Amino acid sequence: MLISNNFIYLEIASVNLPSVKKSLLAGLIATSCLVPPIAANAGGTPEKPNVLLIVMDDLGTGQLDFVLDSLDVNELSKRPAPSRYDGDINKMVEAARIAMPNVSEMAAGGIKMTNAFVAHPVCGPSRAGIFTGRSPASFGTYSNDDAMLGIPEDIKLLPALFQEDGYATASIGKWHNAKVIKKPKIAEDKQTRDYHDNMISTPEPGFAPHERGFDYAYSYYASGAALWNSPAIWRNGENVPAPGYITHLLTDETIKFIDGHKDKPFFINLSYSVPHIPLEEASPAKYMDKFNTGNVEADKYFAALNAADEGIGKIITTLKENGELENTLIFFISDNGAVHESPMPMNAMDKGFKGQMFNGGVSVPFVAYWPGHIPAGKQSDAMVSAIDILPTALQSAGITIPDSLKVEGKNIMPLLQGKTQKSPHQYLYWTGPGTKHYSEENQDFWHGYHEWITYQRKEAPKNPNLEKLSKGSWAVRDGEWALYFYDDGTNQPKLFNDKQDPSESIDLASKYPEKVKQLKSAYYQWVKDQPKPVVWGQDRYQVLVDSAK
């Protein structure tokens, strides 16, 4: 094989080659200089890479071993912890260290992105950003209430491009991007107080994954799912029984799909249900027995993570056995930051929680792993976004993204491979409700909710901080600096230097007015072109624009 500038010339000997999957045409193959050459198998024929996207649900940056090494436990102990998960901080940190060894090994064998963000601080809009490669605000999705209407049908999702290119495509686990109808499935006299145990969300026609670019879907459509015997699982268009532990089911479905599609490349979206609350039920004993924090609720949390991690390890083993590990690009990420109703180290030293545009809401763990293509043991603090994942994967597979899709995500493969240290984004933006639903300011509700669904109190608590009632908020980042606005009546955004002050405790707005002006102007130039929310805050939306003028 000869490589000259942006062209690859393949010389194929006239011998009988074995039947090889995913063959590209031999000859002259034009490639972008930003896209790495596609891997070649033992027969010398180029292959298209498999792509595996693993998305955790509400996993904070502090829950991973490779993050904990940089933390001061004494400082961490000063962070607020909910009563349900109260306990010895050292035991919590040790539990986090051992909970996800396979993910830690993957991070050691690839690259850790330490300045990675999602497109929104709650599940539905964040995931919509991943699958469109766009800010969810660009199609009116500013909140989970907006996401309940699904990603508009006229928007082609990026997985469809893999499908059109001959990939086998599957979505396994949470799919929070469908317009749904919710209804109980369990007889009223057998229902629990946890709606996950009773409810089924039925996707309306045209919104399920198998209708949006996936050949196969084994999915649930609500924000969360029961750990055991979930009534909410759909296989393509059929609601099916799901006896057993959901994490095992999702792992098994993923492995079956990989083993069943050895004749073509695959794209898999694997979205585990954990550690999304309420996590009232315990995981199998083999996981629970590994943890002894002194708080059984915390042990449940870490056991749920460990079960997902074991599943990831089994999938990697399957890829090795199939001879596909070095031809599989793997991304590991969370859909947003942790909720306050989590054990420490939750979001490490980051300020805020899921639902908020502080680091704790939008900063997420991000690992990219591709043996032989992404150098091992690397770390980068370049600013990247979850909306970059699928554009990167598509371009690594040599698949063109049509301009008509209005993709905002960038190809970050040069960054992942260490060919550049520069972020492809000058700015990242967020806008929508600044909800306190998941924060420490709502801990009385969550304490009461836990007591209610475990039958320790008679009446359900009232929630004063529902997302749909929340005031508007926005944020803009340029890598080192972050500017936040919350509609508290002062009309004064706050400025933080995240590099020097990762906990965002020192407002520097009065000290650096020119930086405030710059970031405010950048946000305004972006937000003025976004459509209004489809549901949330029709009476509150305009302040998100006017406050930046």
Protein backbone atom coordinates (compact mmCIF):
# COMPACT_ATOMS: atom_id res chain seq x y z
CA MET A 1 0.00 0.00 0.00
CA LEU A 2 1.39 3.38 -1.01
CA ILE A 3 0.23 6.61 0.63
CA SER A 4 0.75 9.89 -1.18
CA ASN A 5 -0.70 13.14 0.17
CA ASN A 6 -4.47 12.58 0.41
CA PHE A 7 -4.60 9.45 -1.76
CA ILE A 8 -4.14 5.79 -0.97
CA TYR A 9 -3.10 3.40 -3.72
CA LEU A 10 -3.80 -0.28 -3.09
CA GLU A 11 -1.87 -2.98 -4.91
CA ILE A 12 -3.76 -6.27 -4.68
CA ALA A 13 -1.87 -9.42 -5.62
CA SER A 14 -3.70 -11.79 -7.93
CA VAL A 15 -4.22 -14.51 -5.36
CA ASN A 16 -7.34 -16.08 -3.95
CA LEU A 17 -8.22 -13.96 -0.94
CA PRO A 18 -10.56 -15.22 1.76
CA SER A 19 -14.05 -13.83 1.88
CA VAL A 20 -13.70 -10.63 3.83
CA LYS A 21 -16.48 -8.54 5.31
CA LYS A 22 -16.83 -4.86 4.77
CA SER A 23 -14.65 -4.70 1.67
CA LEU A 24 -14.18 -1.41 -0.08
CA LEU A 25 -13.36 -1.14 -3.76
CA ALA A 26 -9.69 -1.73 -4.42
CA GLY A 27 -7.90 0.89 -6.43
CA LEU A 28 -7.73 4.58 -5.81
CA ILE A 29 -9.51 5.72 -2.65
CA ALA A 30 -9.75 9.43 -1.97
CA THR A 31 -9.69 10.29 1.69
CA SER A 32 -9.90 13.48 3.66
CA CYS A 33 -6.64 14.47 5.26
CA LEU A 34 -8.56 14.81 8.52
CA VAL A 35 -9.88 11.25 8.43
CA PRO A 36 -7.48 8.44 9.34
CA PRO A 37 -6.97 5.68 6.78
CA ILE A 38 -9.47 2.87 7.24
CA ALA A 39 -7.95 -0.21 8.85
CA ALA A 40 -6.80 -3.12 6.73
CA ASN A 41 -7.39 -6.74 7.66
CA ALA A 42 -4.95 -9.60 7.28
CA GLY A 43 -5.85 -10.03 3.62
CA GLY A 44 -4.87 -6.45 2.86
CA THR A 45 -8.42 -5.30 2.13
CA PRO A 46 -9.54 -2.08 3.85
CA GLU A 47 -12.36 -2.37 6.35
CA LYS A 48 -14.92 0.08 7.58
CA PRO A 49 -14.76 0.44 11.36
CA ASN A 50 -17.51 -0.74 13.65
CA VAL A 51 -18.79 1.96 15.99
CA LEU A 52 -20.02 1.33 19.54
CA LEU A 53 -21.49 4.24 21.48
CA ILE A 54 -21.98 3.54 25.20
CA VAL A 55 -24.14 6.09 27.02
CA MET A 56 -24.61 6.00 30.79
CA ASP A 57 -27.60 7.65 32.43
CA ASP A 58 -26.78 10.47 34.89
CA LEU A 59 -23.20 9.37 35.60
CA GLY A 60 -21.15 12.14 37.17
CA THR A 61 -17.50 12.79 36.36
CA GLY A 62 -16.45 11.96 39.92
CA GLN A 63 -17.51 8.32 39.76
CA LEU A 64 -14.58 7.12 37.66
CA ASP A 65 -11.23 5.93 38.97
CA PHE A 66 -9.09 7.96 36.59
CA VAL A 67 -10.76 11.21 37.74
CA LEU A 68 -10.37 10.50 41.44
CA ASP A 69 -6.58 10.59 41.30
CA SER A 70 -6.71 14.36 40.84
CA LEU A 71 -9.13 15.04 43.70
CA ASP A 72 -8.46 16.28 47.22
CA VAL A 73 -10.67 14.08 49.41
CA ASN A 74 -10.68 16.68 52.19
CA GLU A 75 -12.06 19.28 49.80
CA LEU A 76 -14.49 16.75 48.37
CA SER A 77 -15.84 16.05 51.86
CA LYS A 78 -17.04 19.66 52.05
CA ARG A 79 -19.42 19.11 49.13
CA PRO A 80 -23.14 18.63 49.91
CA ALA A 81 -24.28 15.00 50.18
CA PRO A 82 -27.92 13.86 50.41
CA SER A 83 -29.11 12.11 53.57
CA ARG A 84 -29.98 8.93 51.66
CA TYR A 85 -26.35 8.51 50.59
CA ASP A 86 -24.58 9.99 53.61
CA GLY A 87 -21.47 8.18 54.77
CA ASP A 88 -17.69 8.02 55.07
CA ILE A 89 -16.25 9.94 52.11
CA ASN A 90 -13.18 7.70 51.99
CA LYS A 91 -15.33 4.59 51.64
CA MET A 92 -17.39 6.26 48.92
CA VAL A 93 -14.26 7.19 46.99
CA GLU A 94 -12.88 3.66 47.32
CA ALA A 95 -16.19 2.23 46.04
CA ALA A 96 -16.02 4.53 43.04
CA ARG A 97 -12.45 3.40 42.37
CA ILE A 98 -13.42 -0.26 42.04
CA ALA A 99 -16.88 0.09 40.48
CA MET A 100 -15.89 0.37 36.80
CA PRO A 101 -12.53 -1.34 36.17
CA ASN A 102 -13.26 -2.12 32.51
CA VAL A 103 -14.02 1.51 31.75
CA SER A 104 -10.81 2.49 33.56
CA GLU A 105 -8.89 -0.02 31.44
CA MET A 106 -10.52 1.36 28.31
CA ALA A 107 -9.50 4.88 29.35
CA ALA A 108 -5.93 3.72 29.93
CA GLY A 109 -5.91 2.16 26.47
CA GLY A 110 -7.35 5.21 24.76
CA ILE A 111 -7.87 8.89 25.46
CA LYS A 112 -9.68 10.69 28.27
CA MET A 113 -11.29 14.00 27.34
CA THR A 114 -11.30 16.07 30.53
CA ASN A 115 -13.13 19.09 29.10
CA ALA A 116 -16.07 17.30 27.49
CA PHE A 117 -19.66 18.51 27.52
CA VAL A 118 -23.11 17.45 26.43
CA ALA A 119 -25.51 19.63 24.47
CA HIS A 120 -28.00 19.92 27.34
CA PRO A 121 -28.06 19.17 31.09
CA VAL A 122 -31.03 16.74 30.96
CA CYS A 123 -31.51 13.41 29.22
CA GLY A 124 -33.89 13.90 26.30
CA PRO A 125 -32.38 17.05 24.77
CA SER A 126 -28.84 15.81 25.43
CA ARG A 127 -29.48 12.56 23.57
CA ALA A 128 -31.22 14.43 20.77
CA GLY A 129 -28.01 16.42 20.38
CA ILE A 130 -25.96 13.23 20.08
CA PHE A 131 -28.12 11.68 17.35
CA THR A 132 -28.53 14.84 15.29
CA GLY A 133 -25.07 16.32 15.81
CA ARG A 134 -26.83 19.60 16.62
CA SER A 135 -27.82 21.73 19.55
CA PRO A 136 -31.33 20.56 20.50
CA ALA A 137 -32.38 24.21 20.63
CA SER A 138 -31.97 24.29 16.84
CA PHE A 139 -35.22 22.31 16.55
CA GLY A 140 -37.04 23.75 19.56
CA THR A 141 -36.04 21.18 22.19
CA TYR A 142 -35.05 23.12 25.31
CA SER A 143 -36.24 20.70 28.01
CA ASN A 144 -37.42 17.17 28.72
CA ASP A 145 -40.98 18.41 28.21
CA ASP A 146 -40.01 19.42 24.67
CA ALA A 147 -38.23 16.08 24.19
CA MET A 148 -41.48 14.27 24.98
CA LEU A 149 -42.63 15.27 21.50
CA GLY A 150 -39.65 13.47 20.00
CA ILE A 151 -37.04 14.63 17.52
CA PRO A 152 -39.01 16.12 14.61
CA GLU A 153 -39.69 13.52 11.94
CA ASP A 154 -38.30 15.71 9.18
CA ILE A 155 -34.81 15.59 10.73
CA LYS A 156 -32.73 12.65 9.54
CA LEU A 157 -30.80 11.14 12.42
CA LEU A 158 -27.11 10.48 11.88
CA PRO A 159 -27.37 6.70 12.48
CA ALA A 160 -29.43 6.56 9.28
CA LEU A 161 -26.28 7.51 7.37
CA PHE A 162 -24.56 4.39 8.70
CA GLN A 163 -27.58 2.33 7.69
CA GLU A 164 -27.59 3.78 4.17
CA ASP A 165 -23.89 2.94 3.86
CA GLY A 166 -24.51 -0.75 4.52
CA TYR A 167 -23.93 -0.87 8.26
CA ALA A 168 -26.00 -3.05 10.57
CA THR A 169 -27.46 -0.60 13.09
CA ALA A 170 -28.97 -1.20 16.53
CA SER A 171 -30.26 0.89 19.41
CA ILE A 172 -30.27 -0.99 22.69
CA GLY A 173 -31.55 0.51 25.95
CA LYS A 174 -32.86 3.98 26.64
CA TRP A 175 -34.36 5.93 23.76
CA HIS A 176 -35.63 9.20 25.16
CA ASN A 177 -36.28 10.75 21.76
CA ALA A 178 -39.71 9.45 20.78
CA LYS A 179 -43.13 11.01 20.99
CA VAL A 180 -44.91 8.67 23.38
CA ILE A 181 -48.17 7.76 25.04
CA LYS A 182 -47.79 6.71 28.68
CA LYS A 183 -50.18 4.25 30.26
CA PRO A 184 -50.11 1.69 33.08
CA LYS A 185 -49.43 -1.92 32.14
CA ILE A 186 -49.63 -3.51 35.57
CA ALA A 187 -53.01 -4.10 37.22
CA GLU A 188 -53.77 -1.36 39.73
CA ASP A 189 -53.86 -3.72 42.71
CA LYS A 190 -50.35 -4.96 41.84
CA GLN A 191 -48.71 -1.62 41.14
CA THR A 192 -45.90 -0.21 43.24
CA ARG A 193 -45.38 3.47 43.97
CA ASP A 194 -42.42 3.56 41.59
CA TYR A 195 -43.87 4.31 38.16
CA HIS A 196 -40.97 2.52 36.47
CA ASP A 197 -42.44 -0.76 37.73
CA ASN A 198 -45.90 -0.08 36.33
CA MET A 199 -45.79 2.10 33.26
CA ILE A 200 -45.22 1.52 29.59
CA SER A 201 -44.40 4.33 27.19
CA THR A 202 -45.66 3.53 23.70
CA PRO A 203 -43.89 5.33 20.85
CA GLU A 204 -46.10 6.94 18.26
CA PRO A 205 -45.61 5.79 14.65
CA GLY A 206 -42.47 7.20 13.06
CA PHE A 207 -40.58 7.89 16.31
CA ALA A 208 -39.12 4.53 17.36
CA PRO A 209 -35.44 3.80 16.65
CA HIS A 210 -36.24 1.11 14.07
CA GLU A 211 -38.06 3.86 12.15
CA ARG A 212 -35.23 6.40 12.50
CA GLY A 213 -32.17 4.69 11.06
CA PHE A 214 -31.77 1.55 13.14
CA ASP A 215 -32.29 -1.96 11.77
CA TYR A 216 -32.98 -3.27 15.25
CA ALA A 217 -34.19 -1.77 18.51
CA TYR A 218 -34.46 -3.25 21.99
CA SER A 219 -35.56 -0.13 23.82
CA TYR A 220 -37.56 1.63 26.46
CA TYR A 221 -38.99 5.10 25.93
CA ALA A 222 -39.38 6.68 29.39
CA SER A 223 -36.76 8.59 31.34
CA GLY A 224 -35.90 5.49 33.35
CA ALA A 225 -36.65 1.78 33.65
CA ALA A 226 -37.18 -0.77 36.40
CA LEU A 227 -34.04 -2.71 37.27
CA TRP A 228 -35.95 -5.99 37.33
CA ASN A 229 -38.68 -7.38 35.06
CA SER A 230 -39.30 -4.10 33.27
CA PRO A 231 -42.74 -3.84 31.64
CA ALA A 232 -41.49 -1.10 29.32
CA ILE A 233 -39.21 -2.93 26.85
CA TRP A 234 -39.93 -2.94 23.13
CA ARG A 235 -38.32 -5.10 20.47
CA ASN A 236 -38.82 -3.05 17.34
CA GLY A 237 -42.60 -2.52 17.24
CA GLU A 238 -43.59 -5.05 19.89
CA ASN A 239 -43.78 -4.62 23.65
CA VAL A 240 -42.07 -7.76 24.98
CA PRO A 241 -41.53 -9.44 28.36
CA ALA A 242 -38.17 -8.62 29.93
CA PRO A 243 -37.70 -11.12 32.75
CA GLY A 244 -34.60 -10.57 34.82
CA TYR A 245 -32.08 -7.83 35.49
CA ILE A 246 -32.19 -5.08 32.87
CA THR A 247 -28.45 -4.46 32.69
CA HIS A 248 -27.85 -8.12 31.84
CA LEU A 249 -30.58 -8.00 29.19
CA LEU A 250 -29.07 -4.94 27.49
CA THR A 251 -25.59 -6.47 27.52
CA ASP A 252 -26.87 -9.79 26.14
CA GLU A 253 -28.80 -8.06 23.34
CA THR A 254 -25.67 -6.14 22.35
CA ILE A 255 -23.54 -9.28 22.20
CA LYS A 256 -26.19 -11.13 20.19
CA PHE A 257 -26.29 -8.30 17.68
CA ILE A 258 -22.51 -8.26 17.31
CA ASP A 259 -22.35 -12.04 16.89
CA GLY A 260 -25.24 -11.99 14.44
CA HIS A 261 -23.68 -9.43 12.10
CA LYS A 262 -20.19 -10.68 11.35
CA ASP A 263 -20.71 -10.10 7.63
CA LYS A 264 -20.92 -6.30 7.76
CA PRO A 265 -19.82 -3.36 9.90
CA PHE A 266 -22.10 -2.30 12.73
CA PHE A 267 -23.14 0.84 14.57
CA ILE A 268 -24.60 0.21 18.03
CA ASN A 269 -26.05 2.72 20.45
CA LEU A 270 -25.93 0.99 23.84
CA SER A 271 -27.63 3.08 26.49
CA TYR A 272 -27.60 1.54 29.96
CA SER A 273 -30.37 2.54 32.39
CA VAL A 274 -28.05 3.13 35.34
CA PRO A 275 -27.36 5.01 37.51
CA HIS A 276 -30.65 6.86 36.87
CA ILE A 277 -32.67 7.18 40.08
CA PRO A 278 -34.56 5.91 41.99
CA LEU A 279 -32.41 2.71 42.20
CA GLU A 280 -34.58 1.39 45.02
CA GLU A 281 -33.99 -2.24 44.11
CA ALA A 282 -30.70 -4.01 44.65
CA SER A 283 -28.59 -5.44 41.87
CA PRO A 284 -27.64 -9.14 41.98
CA ALA A 285 -25.62 -10.26 45.00
CA LYS A 286 -22.45 -10.81 42.94
CA TYR A 287 -22.26 -7.03 42.54
CA MET A 288 -23.66 -5.97 45.92
CA ASP A 289 -21.14 -8.15 47.76
CA LYS A 290 -18.23 -6.13 46.36
CA PHE A 291 -19.24 -2.98 48.25
CA ASN A 292 -19.38 -2.13 51.93
CA THR A 293 -19.55 1.63 52.27
CA GLY A 294 -21.59 1.44 55.46
CA ASN A 295 -24.63 2.72 53.54
CA VAL A 296 -26.65 0.08 51.70
CA GLU A 297 -28.21 2.70 49.40
CA ALA A 298 -24.74 3.73 48.24
CA ASP A 299 -23.83 0.06 47.82
CA LYS A 300 -26.84 -0.32 45.49
CA TYR A 301 -25.60 2.59 43.40
CA PHE A 302 -22.05 1.31 42.99
CA ALA A 303 -23.27 -2.25 42.39
CA ALA A 304 -25.44 -1.00 39.52
CA LEU A 305 -22.39 0.69 37.99
CA ASN A 306 -20.33 -2.46 38.44
CA ALA A 307 -22.93 -4.55 36.62
CA ALA A 308 -22.85 -2.20 33.63
CA ASP A 309 -19.06 -2.23 33.71
CA GLU A 310 -19.02 -6.03 33.68
CA GLY A 311 -21.30 -5.87 30.64
CA ILE A 312 -18.86 -3.54 28.88
CA GLY A 313 -16.07 -5.99 29.66
CA LYS A 314 -18.07 -8.87 28.16
CA ILE A 315 -18.71 -6.86 25.00
CA ILE A 316 -15.00 -6.05 24.64
CA THR A 317 -14.20 -9.75 25.11
CA THR A 318 -16.69 -10.61 22.36
CA LEU A 319 -15.04 -8.13 20.02
CA LYS A 320 -11.64 -9.66 20.78
CA GLU A 321 -12.91 -13.19 20.15
CA ASN A 322 -14.42 -12.08 16.85
CA GLY A 323 -11.19 -10.41 15.80
CA GLU A 324 -12.95 -7.05 15.69
CA LEU A 325 -11.59 -5.09 18.65
CA GLU A 326 -8.97 -3.22 16.61
CA ASN A 327 -11.63 -2.44 14.03
CA THR A 328 -14.11 -1.00 16.53
CA LEU A 329 -14.23 2.65 17.54
CA ILE A 330 -15.76 2.89 21.03
CA PHE A 331 -17.06 6.00 22.74
CA PHE A 332 -18.05 6.05 26.43
CA ILE A 333 -20.01 9.01 27.76
CA SER A 334 -22.83 10.07 30.08
CA ASP A 335 -25.93 11.94 28.93
CA ASN A 336 -25.47 14.64 31.61
CA GLY A 337 -24.02 15.18 35.06
CA ALA A 338 -25.12 13.43 38.24
CA VAL A 339 -28.19 14.35 40.25
CA HIS A 340 -27.69 15.50 43.83
CA GLU A 341 -29.52 12.35 44.94
CA SER A 342 -26.32 10.34 44.37
CA PRO A 343 -23.47 9.18 46.59
CA MET A 344 -20.19 11.02 46.59
CA PRO A 345 -18.00 11.60 44.60
CA MET A 346 -20.91 12.35 42.15
CA ASN A 347 -19.70 15.36 40.10
CA ALA A 348 -16.31 15.61 41.82
CA MET A 349 -15.51 19.30 42.38
CA ASP A 350 -17.80 20.59 39.64
CA LYS A 351 -20.48 23.04 40.65
CA GLY A 352 -24.10 22.10 40.07
CA PHE A 353 -26.05 19.03 39.04
CA LYS A 354 -28.14 17.58 36.26
CA GLY A 355 -30.59 20.19 34.96
CA GLN A 356 -28.20 23.10 35.57
CA MET A 357 -25.80 24.67 33.10
CA PHE A 358 -22.94 24.75 35.57
CA ASN A 359 -20.16 22.21 35.02
CA GLY A 360 -21.92 19.66 37.21
CA GLY A 361 -24.83 19.56 34.79
CA VAL A 362 -23.11 19.54 31.41
CA SER A 363 -19.55 18.29 32.00
CA VAL A 364 -19.36 14.52 31.50
CA PRO A 365 -16.89 11.63 31.45
CA PHE A 366 -15.75 11.00 27.88
CA VAL A 367 -13.48 8.17 26.72
CA ALA A 368 -12.57 7.23 23.16
CA TYR A 369 -10.99 3.83 22.55
CA TRP A 370 -9.78 2.33 19.27
CA PRO A 371 -6.72 0.08 19.63
CA GLY A 372 -4.14 0.72 16.96
CA HIS A 373 -5.76 3.98 15.87
CA ILE A 374 -6.12 6.11 19.01
CA PRO A 375 -2.88 6.16 21.06
CA ALA A 376 -3.13 4.65 24.53
CA GLY A 377 -2.70 6.50 27.79
CA LYS A 378 -3.52 9.95 26.48
CA GLN A 379 -5.50 12.82 28.00
CA SER A 380 -6.73 16.07 26.51
CA ASP A 381 -8.32 19.17 28.00
CA ALA A 382 -9.44 20.49 24.61
CA MET A 383 -13.12 21.48 24.67
CA VAL A 384 -15.29 18.88 22.91
CA SER A 385 -18.98 18.09 22.80
CA ALA A 386 -21.13 14.98 22.59
CA ILE A 387 -22.47 16.38 19.31
CA ASP A 388 -19.00 15.65 17.88
CA ILE A 389 -19.24 11.89 18.41
CA LEU A 390 -21.25 10.77 15.40
CA PRO A 391 -19.71 13.27 12.94
CA THR A 392 -16.33 11.88 14.00
CA ALA A 393 -17.45 8.27 13.62
CA LEU A 394 -19.09 8.90 10.24
CA GLN A 395 -16.06 10.64 8.80
CA SER A 396 -13.78 7.92 10.18
CA ALA A 397 -15.91 5.47 8.18
CA GLY A 398 -15.60 7.60 5.05
CA ILE A 399 -19.29 8.52 5.10
CA THR A 400 -20.24 11.98 3.84
CA ILE A 401 -22.59 14.07 5.99
CA PRO A 402 -24.97 16.09 3.78
CA ASP A 403 -24.97 19.85 4.38
CA SER A 404 -28.77 19.68 4.51
CA LEU A 405 -28.56 18.02 7.94
CA LYS A 406 -27.12 21.25 9.40
CA VAL A 407 -24.72 19.34 11.63
CA GLU A 408 -22.85 21.50 14.15
CA GLY A 409 -20.64 18.74 15.55
CA LYS A 410 -17.04 18.47 14.37
CA ASN A 411 -14.68 15.66 13.42
CA ILE A 412 -12.44 15.36 16.48
CA MET A 413 -10.46 12.32 15.31
CA PRO A 414 -7.28 14.43 14.79
CA LEU A 415 -7.66 15.52 18.41
CA LEU A 416 -8.24 11.95 19.62
CA GLN A 417 -5.17 10.78 17.73
CA GLY A 418 -2.96 13.55 19.12
CA LYS A 419 -2.44 15.22 15.76
CA THR A 420 -3.71 18.50 17.21
CA GLN A 421 -4.38 19.89 20.69
CA LYS A 422 -6.79 22.57 19.53
CA SER A 423 -10.53 22.38 20.09
CA PRO A 424 -12.63 22.56 16.92
CA HIS A 425 -15.12 24.77 18.78
CA GLN A 426 -14.60 28.43 19.56
CA TYR A 427 -17.72 28.42 21.73
CA LEU A 428 -20.29 25.98 23.12
CA TYR A 429 -23.79 27.15 24.05
CA TRP A 430 -26.68 26.06 26.28
CA THR A 431 -30.11 27.55 26.82
CA GLY A 432 -33.40 26.53 28.45
CA PRO A 433 -34.77 26.02 31.95
CA GLY A 434 -32.27 26.28 34.79
CA THR A 435 -34.07 23.65 36.82
CA LYS A 436 -33.39 22.98 40.48
CA HIS A 437 -35.34 19.72 40.26
CA TYR A 438 -32.19 17.58 40.58
CA SER A 439 -30.11 19.89 42.80
CA GLU A 440 -29.40 20.12 46.52
CA GLU A 441 -32.05 22.85 46.71
CA ASN A 442 -34.64 20.13 46.10
CA GLN A 443 -33.25 17.57 48.55
CA ASP A 444 -36.31 17.74 50.82
CA PHE A 445 -38.47 16.56 47.93
CA TRP A 446 -36.12 13.70 47.03
CA HIS A 447 -35.85 12.61 50.65
CA GLY A 448 -39.64 12.54 50.83
CA TYR A 449 -39.94 10.79 47.48
CA HIS A 450 -37.60 8.01 48.61
CA GLU A 451 -39.64 7.58 51.79
CA TRP A 452 -42.88 7.54 49.81
CA ILE A 453 -41.97 4.91 47.21
CA THR A 454 -40.52 2.72 49.98
CA TYR A 455 -43.79 3.08 51.95
CA GLN A 456 -42.27 5.02 54.83
CA ARG A 457 -44.81 7.82 54.44
CA LYS A 458 -48.45 7.97 53.38
CA GLU A 459 -48.54 10.85 50.92
CA ALA A 460 -46.34 11.72 47.98
CA PRO A 461 -44.32 14.91 48.53
CA LYS A 462 -45.01 17.99 46.47
CA ASN A 463 -42.25 19.12 44.12
CA PRO A 464 -41.81 22.91 43.93
CA ASN A 465 -38.97 22.65 41.40
CA LEU A 466 -40.43 20.86 38.40
CA GLU A 467 -38.58 21.56 35.17
CA LYS A 468 -41.69 22.96 33.52
CA LEU A 469 -41.94 25.60 36.28
CA SER A 470 -38.28 26.61 36.09
CA LYS A 471 -36.97 30.01 35.10
CA GLY A 472 -34.73 30.46 32.10
CA SER A 473 -30.98 30.07 32.06
CA TRP A 474 -28.16 30.12 29.54
CA ALA A 475 -24.43 29.54 29.39
CA VAL A 476 -21.56 29.93 26.95
CA ARG A 477 -18.02 28.56 27.16
CA ASP A 478 -14.86 29.21 25.19
CA GLY A 479 -12.72 26.48 26.73
CA GLU A 480 -11.31 28.26 29.77
CA TRP A 481 -14.04 30.78 30.53
CA ALA A 482 -17.73 30.20 31.26
CA LEU A 483 -20.48 32.82 31.41
CA TYR A 484 -23.79 31.94 33.10
CA PHE A 485 -27.14 33.65 33.24
CA TYR A 486 -30.10 32.72 35.44
CA ASP A 487 -33.33 34.68 35.40
CA ASP A 488 -33.23 35.75 39.05
CA GLY A 489 -34.26 39.33 38.35
CA THR A 490 -30.77 40.85 38.50
CA ASN A 491 -30.01 40.48 34.77
CA GLN A 492 -26.36 39.97 35.77
CA PRO A 493 -24.50 37.00 34.27
CA LYS A 494 -21.70 35.39 36.26
CA LEU A 495 -18.23 34.76 34.85
CA PHE A 496 -15.96 31.92 35.94
CA ASN A 497 -12.51 30.76 34.93
CA ASP A 498 -12.93 27.00 34.89
CA LYS A 499 -9.22 26.31 34.53
CA GLN A 500 -8.29 28.17 37.72
CA ASP A 501 -11.59 27.67 39.56
CA PRO A 502 -13.18 24.35 38.50
CA SER A 503 -15.76 24.56 41.29
CA GLU A 504 -16.95 27.87 39.83
CA SER A 505 -17.01 29.61 43.20
CA ILE A 506 -15.49 33.00 42.27
CA ASP A 507 -17.53 35.33 40.05
CA LEU A 508 -15.10 37.38 37.96
CA ALA A 509 -17.66 39.37 35.98
CA SER A 510 -16.79 42.72 37.56
CA LYS A 511 -13.06 42.10 37.11
CA TYR A 512 -13.22 41.14 33.43
CA PRO A 513 -16.06 43.14 31.83
CA GLU A 514 -14.59 42.76 28.33
CA LYS A 515 -14.67 38.97 28.60
CA VAL A 516 -18.29 39.20 29.74
CA LYS A 517 -19.07 41.38 26.75
CA GLN A 518 -17.34 38.98 24.35
CA LEU A 519 -19.09 35.85 25.60
CA LYS A 520 -22.44 37.58 25.91
CA SER A 521 -22.21 38.80 22.33
CA ALA A 522 -21.23 35.34 21.08
CA TYR A 523 -24.22 33.79 22.84
CA TYR A 524 -26.60 36.42 21.46
CA GLN A 525 -25.41 35.92 17.89
CA TRP A 526 -26.20 32.23 18.34
CA VAL A 527 -29.46 32.31 20.29
CA LYS A 528 -31.19 34.96 18.17
CA ASP A 529 -31.38 32.45 15.33
CA GLN A 530 -32.83 29.57 17.38
CA PRO A 531 -36.55 28.74 17.21
CA LYS A 532 -38.80 29.04 20.25
CA PRO A 533 -39.31 26.02 22.52
CA VAL A 534 -42.05 23.68 21.35
CA VAL A 535 -43.44 23.29 24.90
CA TRP A 536 -41.38 24.76 27.73
CA GLY A 537 -41.49 28.36 28.82
CA GLN A 538 -43.36 30.13 26.06
CA ASP A 539 -43.82 32.92 28.61
CA ARG A 540 -40.19 32.76 29.78
CA TYR A 541 -38.28 32.10 26.59
CA GLN A 542 -37.81 35.70 25.45
CA VAL A 543 -35.62 36.55 28.43
CA LEU A 544 -33.08 34.04 27.12
CA VAL A 545 -32.65 36.30 24.11
CA ASP A 546 -33.22 39.75 25.59
CA SER A 547 -30.83 39.22 28.51
CA ALA A 548 -27.90 38.96 26.08
CA LYS A 549 -28.66 42.05 23.97
